[in-house]
C-alpha atoms as a PDB file:
ATOM      1  CA  UNK A   1     127.968 122.684 190.635  1.00  0.00           C
ATOM      2  CA  UNK A   2     124.889 122.938 188.612  1.00  0.00           C
ATOM      3  CA  UNK A   3     123.352 119.787 186.896  1.00  0.00           C
ATOM      4  CA  UNK A   4     120.474 119.532 184.250  1.00  0.00           C
ATOM      5  CA  UNK A   5     118.883 116.710 183.126  1.00  0.00           C
ATOM      6  CA  UNK A   6     118.578 116.194 179.163  1.00  0.00           C
ATOM      7  CA  UNK A   7     117.804 113.825 176.951  1.00  0.00           C
ATOM      8  CA  UNK A   8     120.727 112.530 174.210  1.00  0.00           C
ATOM      9  CA  UNK A   9     120.466 110.604 171.631  1.00  0.00           C
ATOM     10  CA  UNK A  10     122.994 108.177 170.254  1.00  0.00           C
ATOM     11  CA  UNK A  11     122.350 106.063 167.690  1.00  0.00           C
ATOM     12  CA  UNK A  12     118.659 104.458 168.132  1.00  0.00           C
ATOM     13  CA  UNK A  13     118.881 104.786 172.062  1.00  0.00           C
ATOM     14  CA  UNK A  14     117.503 106.972 174.157  1.00  0.00           C
ATOM     15  CA  UNK A  15     119.946 108.016 177.391  1.00  0.00           C
ATOM     16  CA  UNK A  16     119.096 110.024 180.006  1.00  0.00           C
ATOM     17  CA  UNK A  17     121.571 111.510 182.320  1.00  0.00           C
ATOM     18  CA  UNK A  18     122.913 114.042 184.586  1.00  0.00           C
ATOM     19  CA  UNK A  19     125.141 116.793 182.641  1.00  0.00           C
ATOM     20  CA  UNK A  20     127.310 118.995 184.774  1.00  0.00           C
ATOM     21  CA  UNK A  21     129.803 122.094 184.041  1.00  0.00           C
ATOM     22  CA  UNK A  22     132.936 122.303 185.389  1.00  0.00           C
ATOM     23  CA  UNK A  23     135.434 119.411 186.210  1.00  0.00           C
ATOM     24  CA  UNK A  24     132.549 117.120 186.547  1.00  0.00           C
ATOM     25  CA  UNK A  25     131.479 117.300 182.883  1.00  0.00           C
ATOM     26  CA  UNK A  26     132.924 113.845 182.481  1.00  0.00           C
ATOM     27  CA  UNK A  27     130.472 111.816 184.439  1.00  0.00           C
ATOM     28  CA  UNK A  28     127.138 110.766 183.332  1.00  0.00           C
ATOM     29  CA  UNK A  29     124.815 108.718 185.528  1.00  0.00           C
ATOM     30  CA  UNK A  30     124.476 105.104 183.506  1.00  0.00           C
ATOM     31  CA  UNK A  31     127.472 106.036 181.627  1.00  0.00           C
ATOM     32  CA  UNK A  32     130.519 106.275 183.465  1.00  0.00           C
ATOM     33  CA  UNK A  33     132.919 106.411 180.294  1.00  0.00           C
ATOM     34  CA  UNK A  34     131.112 108.607 178.107  1.00  0.00           C
ATOM     35  CA  UNK A  35     132.547 111.918 177.385  1.00  0.00           C
ATOM     36  CA  UNK A  36     130.457 115.111 177.608  1.00  0.00           C
ATOM     37  CA  UNK A  37     132.572 117.015 175.363  1.00  0.00           C
ATOM     38  CA  UNK A  38     131.396 115.474 172.521  1.00  0.00           C
ATOM     39  CA  UNK A  39     127.383 116.031 173.379  1.00  0.00           C
ATOM     40  CA  UNK A  40     128.164 119.586 172.792  1.00  0.00           C
ATOM     41  CA  UNK A  41     127.813 121.514 169.223  1.00  0.00           C
ATOM     42  CA  UNK A  42     127.797 119.472 166.061  1.00  0.00           C
ATOM     43  CA  UNK A  43     128.208 115.814 166.715  1.00  0.00           C
ATOM     44  CA  UNK A  44     131.001 114.273 165.059  1.00  0.00           C
ATOM     45  CA  UNK A  45     129.624 112.224 161.733  1.00  0.00           C
ATOM     46  CA  UNK A  46     132.271 109.439 162.110  1.00  0.00           C
ATOM     47  CA  UNK A  47     130.320 108.733 165.940  1.00  0.00           C
ATOM     48  CA  UNK A  48     127.375 107.725 163.470  1.00  0.00           C
ATOM     49  CA  UNK A  49     128.227 103.937 161.868  1.00  0.00           C
ATOM     50  CA  UNK A  50     131.798 105.514 161.543  1.00  0.00           C
ATOM     51  CA  UNK A  51     130.579 107.834 158.831  1.00  0.00           C
ATOM     52  CA  UNK A  52     129.822 105.109 156.205  1.00  0.00           C
ATOM     53  CA  UNK A  53     127.784 105.997 153.216  1.00  0.00           C
ATOM     54  CA  UNK A  54     127.506 109.685 154.965  1.00  0.00           C
ATOM     55  CA  UNK A  55     127.521 112.666 152.307  1.00  0.00           C
ATOM     56  CA  UNK A  56     125.617 116.039 151.985  1.00  0.00           C
ATOM     57  CA  UNK A  57     122.686 114.104 150.140  1.00  0.00           C
ATOM     58  CA  UNK A  58     121.972 111.649 152.874  1.00  0.00           C
ATOM     59  CA  UNK A  59     120.227 111.615 156.343  1.00  0.00           C
ATOM     60  CA  UNK A  60     121.116 109.231 159.581  1.00  0.00           C
ATOM     61  CA  UNK A  61     118.116 106.678 159.490  1.00  0.00           C
ATOM     62  CA  UNK A  62     116.554 104.939 162.845  1.00  0.00           C
ATOM     63  CA  UNK A  63     117.950 101.543 161.041  1.00  0.00           C
ATOM     64  CA  UNK A  64     121.531 103.072 161.858  1.00  0.00           C
ATOM     65  CA  UNK A  65     122.314 103.960 158.250  1.00  0.00           C
ATOM     66  CA  UNK A  66     123.020 106.813 155.993  1.00  0.00           C
ATOM     67  CA  UNK A  67     120.818 106.979 153.006  1.00  0.00           C
ATOM     68  CA  UNK A  68     119.498 109.605 150.363  1.00  0.00           C
ATOM     69  CA  UNK A  69     115.783 110.204 151.394  1.00  0.00           C
ATOM     70  CA  UNK A  70     113.321 108.844 149.252  1.00  0.00           C
ATOM     71  CA  UNK A  71     111.186 110.765 147.109  1.00  0.00           C
ATOM     72  CA  UNK A  72     113.043 114.166 148.141  1.00  0.00           C
ATOM     73  CA  UNK A  73     115.860 115.833 146.216  1.00  0.00           C
ATOM     74  CA  UNK A  74     116.591 113.082 144.210  1.00  0.00           C
ATOM     75  CA  UNK A  75     115.752 114.270 140.494  1.00  0.00           C
ATOM     76  CA  UNK A  76     118.604 115.035 138.353  1.00  0.00           C
ATOM     77  CA  UNK A  77     118.794 116.078 134.676  1.00  0.00           C
ATOM     78  CA  UNK A  78     121.039 117.376 131.932  1.00  0.00           C
ATOM     79  CA  UNK A  79     124.242 119.363 132.394  1.00  0.00           C
ATOM     80  CA  UNK A  80     122.324 122.099 130.432  1.00  0.00           C
ATOM     81  CA  UNK A  81     118.958 122.892 128.943  1.00  0.00           C
ATOM     82  CA  UNK A  82     116.741 125.081 126.515  1.00  0.00           C
ATOM     83  CA  UNK A  83     114.357 127.500 128.859  1.00  0.00           C
ATOM     84  CA  UNK A  84     110.933 126.805 127.598  1.00  0.00           C
ATOM     85  CA  UNK A  85     111.694 123.408 126.777  1.00  0.00           C
ATOM     86  CA  UNK A  86     109.524 120.418 127.746  1.00  0.00           C
ATOM     87  CA  UNK A  87     111.670 117.966 130.018  1.00  0.00           C
ATOM     88  CA  UNK A  88     110.536 113.693 130.296  1.00  0.00           C
ATOM     89  CA  UNK A  89     111.672 110.839 132.259  1.00  0.00           C
ATOM     90  CA  UNK A  90     115.184 109.819 131.233  1.00  0.00           C
ATOM     91  CA  UNK A  91     114.846 105.586 131.725  1.00  0.00           C
ATOM     92  CA  UNK A  92     112.401 103.893 134.096  1.00  0.00           C
ATOM     93  CA  UNK A  93     113.969 105.050 137.594  1.00  0.00           C
ATOM     94  CA  UNK A  94     111.898 108.084 138.126  1.00  0.00           C
ATOM     95  CA  UNK A  95     114.920 109.888 139.356  1.00  0.00           C
ATOM     96  CA  UNK A  96     116.170 111.432 135.728  1.00  0.00           C
ATOM     97  CA  UNK A  97     114.936 113.498 133.574  1.00  0.00           C
ATOM     98  CA  UNK A  98     116.293 114.512 130.261  1.00  0.00           C
ATOM     99  CA  UNK A  99     115.845 118.074 127.592  1.00  0.00           C
ATOM    100  CA  UNK A 100     113.164 116.910 124.793  1.00  0.00           C
ATOM    101  CA  UNK A 101     114.182 119.796 122.266  1.00  0.00           C
ATOM    102  CA  UNK A 102     110.329 120.400 122.111  1.00  0.00           C
ATOM    103  CA  UNK A 103     109.425 124.473 123.362  1.00  0.00           C
ATOM    104  CA  UNK A 104     106.323 124.256 124.893  1.00  0.00           C
ATOM    105  CA  UNK A 105     105.056 126.841 123.120  1.00  0.00           C
ATOM    106  CA  UNK A 106     105.243 124.784 120.024  1.00  0.00           C
ATOM    107  CA  UNK A 107     102.180 122.828 120.910  1.00  0.00           C
ATOM    108  CA  UNK A 108      98.877 123.213 119.170  1.00  0.00           C
ATOM    109  CA  UNK A 109      96.780 124.738 121.621  1.00  0.00           C
ATOM    110  CA  UNK A 110      93.300 123.051 122.102  1.00  0.00           C
ATOM    111  CA  UNK A 111      91.314 126.308 121.119  1.00  0.00           C
ATOM    112  CA  UNK A 112      91.725 127.269 116.945  1.00  0.00           C
ATOM    113  CA  UNK A 113      94.914 124.719 116.609  1.00  0.00           C
ATOM    114  CA  UNK A 114      96.688 125.433 113.495  1.00  0.00           C
ATOM    115  CA  UNK A 115      98.193 122.344 112.186  1.00  0.00           C
ATOM    116  CA  UNK A 116     100.805 121.704 109.967  1.00  0.00           C
ATOM    117  CA  UNK A 117     102.057 119.122 107.779  1.00  0.00           C
ATOM    118  CA  UNK A 118      99.783 115.901 107.889  1.00  0.00           C
ATOM    119  CA  UNK A 119      98.359 115.638 111.174  1.00  0.00           C
ATOM    120  CA  UNK A 120      95.956 112.113 111.582  1.00  0.00           C
ATOM    121  CA  UNK A 121      92.991 111.295 113.569  1.00  0.00           C
ATOM    122  CA  UNK A 122      90.812 108.240 114.195  1.00  0.00           C
ATOM    123  CA  UNK A 123      88.360 107.311 111.466  1.00  0.00           C
ATOM    124  CA  UNK A 124      84.951 107.776 112.464  1.00  0.00           C
ATOM    125  CA  UNK A 125      82.441 104.945 111.427  1.00  0.00           C
ATOM    126  CA  UNK A 126      80.760 105.702 108.400  1.00  0.00           C
ATOM    127  CA  UNK A 127      77.153 106.466 109.630  1.00  0.00           C
ATOM    128  CA  UNK A 128      79.157 108.760 112.266  1.00  0.00           C
ATOM    129  CA  UNK A 129      77.394 112.378 112.606  1.00  0.00           C
ATOM    130  CA  UNK A 130      79.150 114.223 115.178  1.00  0.00           C
ATOM    131  CA  UNK A 131      81.649 117.190 115.838  1.00  0.00           C
ATOM    132  CA  UNK A 132      84.435 114.001 115.584  1.00  0.00           C
ATOM    133  CA  UNK A 133      87.071 115.067 113.189  1.00  0.00           C
ATOM    134  CA  UNK A 134      86.275 113.854 109.650  1.00  0.00           C
ATOM    135  CA  UNK A 135      89.423 111.740 108.071  1.00  0.00           C
ATOM    136  CA  UNK A 136      89.985 111.826 104.279  1.00  0.00           C
ATOM    137  CA  UNK A 137      88.823 107.912 104.900  1.00  0.00           C
ATOM    138  CA  UNK A 138      85.786 108.624 106.178  1.00  0.00           C
ATOM    139  CA  UNK A 139      85.276 111.040 103.409  1.00  0.00           C
ATOM    140  CA  UNK A 140      85.697 108.227 100.882  1.00  0.00           C
ATOM    141  CA  UNK A 141      83.828 106.198 102.385  1.00  0.00           C
ATOM    142  CA  UNK A 142      80.490 108.075 102.126  1.00  0.00           C
ATOM    143  CA  UNK A 143      80.674 107.161  98.428  1.00  0.00           C
ATOM    144  CA  UNK A 144      80.078 111.095  97.382  1.00  0.00           C
ATOM    145  CA  UNK A 145      80.448 111.601  93.377  1.00  0.00           C
ATOM    146  CA  UNK A 146      83.888 112.353  92.170  1.00  0.00           C
ATOM    147  CA  UNK A 147      84.503 115.771  90.924  1.00  0.00           C
ATOM    148  CA  UNK A 148      86.333 113.987  87.661  1.00  0.00           C
ATOM    149  CA  UNK A 149      84.286 111.844  85.789  1.00  0.00           C
ATOM    150  CA  UNK A 150      81.380 111.764  88.746  1.00  0.00           C
ATOM    151  CA  UNK A 151      79.182 108.578  88.453  1.00  0.00           C
ATOM    152  CA  UNK A 152      75.662 109.736  89.247  1.00  0.00           C
ATOM    153  CA  UNK A 153      72.574 107.721  90.645  1.00  0.00           C
ATOM    154  CA  UNK A 154      68.661 108.424  91.662  1.00  0.00           C
ATOM    155  CA  UNK A 155      67.506 112.171  90.437  1.00  0.00           C
ATOM    156  CA  UNK A 156      70.197 114.444  90.733  1.00  0.00           C
ATOM    157  CA  UNK A 157      69.627 118.283  90.986  1.00  0.00           C
ATOM    158  CA  UNK A 158      71.090 121.108  90.068  1.00  0.00           C
ATOM    159  CA  UNK A 159      70.194 124.870  89.904  1.00  0.00           C
ATOM    160  CA  UNK A 160      68.339 126.246  87.102  1.00  0.00           C
ATOM    161  CA  UNK A 161      70.452 128.715  85.109  1.00  0.00           C
ATOM    162  CA  UNK A 162      69.062 131.803  83.475  1.00  0.00           C
ATOM    163  CA  UNK A 163      67.823 131.876  80.124  1.00  0.00           C
ATOM    164  CA  UNK A 164      70.534 132.522  77.433  1.00  0.00           C
ATOM    165  CA  UNK A 165      73.009 130.756  79.657  1.00  0.00           C
ATOM    166  CA  UNK A 166      76.258 129.791  77.818  1.00  0.00           C
ATOM    167  CA  UNK A 167      78.980 128.265  79.827  1.00  0.00           C
ATOM    168  CA  UNK A 168      80.028 125.439  81.365  1.00  0.00           C
ATOM    169  CA  UNK A 169      77.002 125.237  84.155  1.00  0.00           C
ATOM    170  CA  UNK A 170      75.073 122.066  84.318  1.00  0.00           C
ATOM    171  CA  UNK A 171      71.852 122.477  82.087  1.00  0.00           C
ATOM    172  CA  UNK A 172      68.685 121.094  84.101  1.00  0.00           C
ATOM    173  CA  UNK A 173      65.760 119.773  82.013  1.00  0.00           C
ATOM    174  CA  UNK A 174      63.793 123.599  82.828  1.00  0.00           C
ATOM    175  CA  UNK A 175      66.695 125.081  81.388  1.00  0.00           C
ATOM    176  CA  UNK A 176      66.628 123.002  78.164  1.00  0.00           C
ATOM    177  CA  UNK A 177      62.956 124.207  78.083  1.00  0.00           C
ATOM    178  CA  UNK A 178      63.198 127.308  78.528  1.00  0.00           C
ATOM    179  CA  UNK A 179      65.592 127.602  75.583  1.00  0.00           C
ATOM    180  CA  UNK A 180      64.604 129.469  72.603  1.00  0.00           C
ATOM    181  CA  UNK A 181      64.920 126.467  69.925  1.00  0.00           C
ATOM    182  CA  UNK A 182      65.644 127.943  66.286  1.00  0.00           C
ATOM    183  CA  UNK A 183      63.406 126.570  63.604  1.00  0.00           C
ATOM    184  CA  UNK A 184      65.081 127.271  60.412  1.00  0.00           C
ATOM    185  CA  UNK A 185      62.565 127.765  57.514  1.00  0.00           C
ATOM    186  CA  UNK A 186      63.346 128.174  53.803  1.00  0.00           C
ATOM    187  CA  UNK A 187      62.403 127.319  50.374  1.00  0.00           C
ATOM    188  CA  UNK A 188      64.142 126.938  46.735  1.00  0.00           C
ATOM    189  CA  UNK A 189      64.074 129.732  45.111  1.00  0.00           C
ATOM    190  CA  UNK A 190      61.459 130.354  42.006  1.00  0.00           C
ATOM    191  CA  UNK A 191      59.577 127.523  44.051  1.00  0.00           C
ATOM    192  CA  UNK A 192      56.114 129.405  45.907  1.00  0.00           C
ATOM    193  CA  UNK A 193      56.217 128.128  49.596  1.00  0.00           C
ATOM    194  CA  UNK A 194      52.473 128.865  50.264  1.00  0.00           C
ATOM    195  CA  UNK A 195      51.072 126.303  52.681  1.00  0.00           C
ATOM    196  CA  UNK A 196      54.416 124.411  52.900  1.00  0.00           C
ATOM    197  CA  UNK A 197      54.759 123.020  56.647  1.00  0.00           C
ATOM    198  CA  UNK A 198      57.997 124.121  57.602  1.00  0.00           C
ATOM    199  CA  UNK A 199      58.102 122.513  61.268  1.00  0.00           C
ATOM    200  CA  UNK A 200      55.807 119.789  63.445  1.00  0.00           C
ATOM    201  CA  UNK A 201      56.423 120.873  67.051  1.00  0.00           C
ATOM    202  CA  UNK A 202      57.856 117.758  69.433  1.00  0.00           C
ATOM    203  CA  UNK A 203      57.759 119.207  72.564  1.00  0.00           C
ATOM    204  CA  UNK A 204      55.574 122.230  73.825  1.00  0.00           C
ATOM    205  CA  UNK A 205      57.647 125.582  73.719  1.00  0.00           C
ATOM    206  CA  UNK A 206      56.926 129.172  73.603  1.00  0.00           C
ATOM    207  CA  UNK A 207      58.049 131.428  70.774  1.00  0.00           C
ATOM    208  CA  UNK A 208      60.351 133.949  72.153  1.00  0.00           C
ATOM    209  CA  UNK A 209      61.091 136.099  68.854  1.00  0.00           C
ATOM    210  CA  UNK A 210      60.885 135.476  64.833  1.00  0.00           C
ATOM    211  CA  UNK A 211      63.720 136.585  63.389  1.00  0.00           C
ATOM    212  CA  UNK A 212      64.439 135.795  59.120  1.00  0.00           C
ATOM    213  CA  UNK A 213      66.479 136.885  56.324  1.00  0.00           C
ATOM    214  CA  UNK A 214      66.569 136.380  52.922  1.00  0.00           C
ATOM    215  CA  UNK A 215      69.568 134.691  51.591  1.00  0.00           C
ATOM    216  CA  UNK A 216      68.965 135.815  47.946  1.00  0.00           C
ATOM    217  CA  UNK A 217      66.222 138.261  46.511  1.00  0.00           C
ATOM    218  CA  UNK A 218      63.871 136.771  44.196  1.00  0.00           C
ATOM    219  CA  UNK A 219      63.256 139.912  42.077  1.00  0.00           C
ATOM    220  CA  UNK A 220      59.867 140.074  42.980  1.00  0.00           C
ATOM    221  CA  UNK A 221      57.641 141.349  45.234  1.00  0.00           C
ATOM    222  CA  UNK A 222      56.514 139.027  47.791  1.00  0.00           C
ATOM    223  CA  UNK A 223      55.426 138.741  51.578  1.00  0.00           C
ATOM    224  CA  UNK A 224      55.659 136.192  53.880  1.00  0.00           C
ATOM    225  CA  UNK A 225      53.496 134.931  56.693  1.00  0.00           C
ATOM    226  CA  UNK A 226      54.588 132.375  59.278  1.00  0.00           C
ATOM    227  CA  UNK A 227      51.169 130.429  60.471  1.00  0.00           C
ATOM    228  CA  UNK A 228      50.553 128.207  63.682  1.00  0.00           C
ATOM    229  CA  UNK A 229      48.342 125.544  62.701  1.00  0.00           C
ATOM    230  CA  UNK A 230      46.940 123.264  65.774  1.00  0.00           C
ATOM    231  CA  UNK A 231      47.166 119.458  64.910  1.00  0.00           C
ATOM    232  CA  UNK A 232      44.046 118.646  62.729  1.00  0.00           C
ATOM    233  CA  UNK A 233      43.942 122.057  61.430  1.00  0.00           C
ATOM    234  CA  UNK A 234      45.039 122.985  57.678  1.00  0.00           C
ATOM    235  CA  UNK A 235      47.636 125.291  57.419  1.00  0.00           C
ATOM    236  CA  UNK A 236      45.600 127.509  55.218  1.00  0.00           C
ATOM    237  CA  UNK A 237      43.567 127.868  58.196  1.00  0.00           C
ATOM    238  CA  UNK A 238      46.237 128.643  60.674  1.00  0.00           C
ATOM    239  CA  UNK A 239      46.992 131.838  61.993  1.00  0.00           C
ATOM    240  CA  UNK A 240      49.975 134.028  61.962  1.00  0.00           C
ATOM    241  CA  UNK A 241      52.393 134.170  65.260  1.00  0.00           C
ATOM    242  CA  UNK A 242      53.335 137.371  64.836  1.00  0.00           C
ATOM    243  CA  UNK A 243      52.096 140.945  62.951  1.00  0.00           C
ATOM    244  CA  UNK A 244      53.436 142.158  59.796  1.00  0.00           C
ATOM    245  CA  UNK A 245      55.300 140.054  57.013  1.00  0.00           C
ATOM    246  CA  UNK A 246      58.769 139.378  55.901  1.00  0.00           C
ATOM    247  CA  UNK A 247      59.498 140.926  52.707  1.00  0.00           C
ATOM    248  CA  UNK A 248      60.899 138.052  50.444  1.00  0.00           C
ATOM    249  CA  UNK A 249      62.714 140.427  48.187  1.00  0.00           C
ATOM    250  CA  UNK A 250      64.415 142.130  51.169  1.00  0.00           C
ATOM    251  CA  UNK A 251      68.043 143.168  51.238  1.00  0.00           C
ATOM    252  CA  UNK A 252      70.112 139.726  51.292  1.00  0.00           C
ATOM    253  CA  UNK A 253      71.678 138.599  54.825  1.00  0.00           C
ATOM    254  CA  UNK A 254      69.652 141.192  56.319  1.00  0.00           C
ATOM    255  CA  UNK A 255      67.741 140.385  59.790  1.00  0.00           C
ATOM    256  CA  UNK A 256      64.155 141.163  59.807  1.00  0.00           C
ATOM    257  CA  UNK A 257      62.723 140.659  63.339  1.00  0.00           C
ATOM    258  CA  UNK A 258      58.588 140.291  63.154  1.00  0.00           C
ATOM    259  CA  UNK A 259      56.511 141.064  66.493  1.00  0.00           C
ATOM    260  CA  UNK A 260      55.104 137.690  68.216  1.00  0.00           C
ATOM    261  CA  UNK A 261      51.467 137.557  68.689  1.00  0.00           C
ATOM    262  CA  UNK A 262      51.327 134.007  69.498  1.00  0.00           C
ATOM    263  CA  UNK A 263      53.674 132.340  71.678  1.00  0.00           C
ATOM    264  CA  UNK A 264      52.676 129.151  73.171  1.00  0.00           C
ATOM    265  CA  UNK A 265      53.136 125.850  70.616  1.00  0.00           C
ATOM    266  CA  UNK A 266      52.023 122.724  72.151  1.00  0.00           C
ATOM    267  CA  UNK A 267      53.407 119.128  71.067  1.00  0.00           C
ATOM    268  CA  UNK A 268      51.623 118.210  66.991  1.00  0.00           C
ATOM    269  CA  UNK A 269      51.394 121.787  66.316  1.00  0.00           C
ATOM    270  CA  UNK A 270      52.945 122.838  62.721  1.00  0.00           C
ATOM    271  CA  UNK A 271      54.447 125.739  61.628  1.00  0.00           C
ATOM    272  CA  UNK A 272      53.434 126.643  57.882  1.00  0.00           C
ATOM    273  CA  UNK A 273      54.322 129.234  55.843  1.00  0.00           C
ATOM    274  CA  UNK A 274      51.893 131.366  53.658  1.00  0.00           C
ATOM    275  CA  UNK A 275      53.074 133.472  50.578  1.00  0.00           C
ATOM    276  CA  UNK A 276      51.607 136.192  48.802  1.00  0.00           C
ATOM    277  CA  UNK A 277      53.135 137.497  45.457  1.00  0.00           C
ATOM    278  CA  UNK A 278      52.212 140.554  43.334  1.00  0.00           C
ATOM    279  CA  UNK A 279      52.597 140.617  39.798  1.00  0.00           C
ATOM    280  CA  UNK A 280      55.104 143.134  38.075  1.00  0.00           C
ATOM    281  CA  UNK A 281      53.546 145.493  36.171  1.00  0.00           C
ATOM    282  CA  UNK A 282      55.357 147.613  33.154  1.00  0.00           C
ATOM    283  CA  UNK A 283      54.267 150.489  31.060  1.00  0.00           C
ATOM    284  CA  UNK A 284      55.147 152.356  28.013  1.00  0.00           C
END
């Protein structure tokens, strides 16, 4: 007969005894009524608390009960789900999940996100000057002038258009100063406009061109010169603004362009007309 000393765990008690083979397998020192047949192979569940609450998801605990181990293999979820969907907790048990129906790939990435619909963000304080997102409310709080009917204050500036620009672009004071301001010069038919003051300059300007036309030919040979007379100087003592002269008996409604020789005019300067008539001759 052979004997082995082995530990047997019964419930929460550790029993040390002698295990025998053969006909003596019914005897254990200190446990004369124990059946060694139950100590070999799988221990029947009914031997532990009668198998009450025993299942595939429970284990035998040291307090003599069957229970589900905390925090292990106790998460539950829907019977079906969509691959790639985000799962969240269902309820407050911390053991149940639900399918949100939102694909993880549908979320905006942190780098260069492409938003849709109407995303919102916190509105920064008016004086904020950082990389924080500027909401529409933040922009409105800056008190910028609106595109429609802006109310500007202070000294607003704008690019100065090129001379001759004819569009809806803003005209700066520099643009206005540089423009060609046409001065109409004329006289009543049959009257001699000699030494007549045609215009008095009320802002400094530059003469860019002198162009004239005869509306009605006067029928006699006559020439007209446009003189520049500084303030306090008689028209007759002025100097011509150009070379050559107008032909007062030229073709009606046809422009005559003279070459400018004096370009700058100051405030108070006068533009005068000097005319010369040649008497008609007859013979025979």
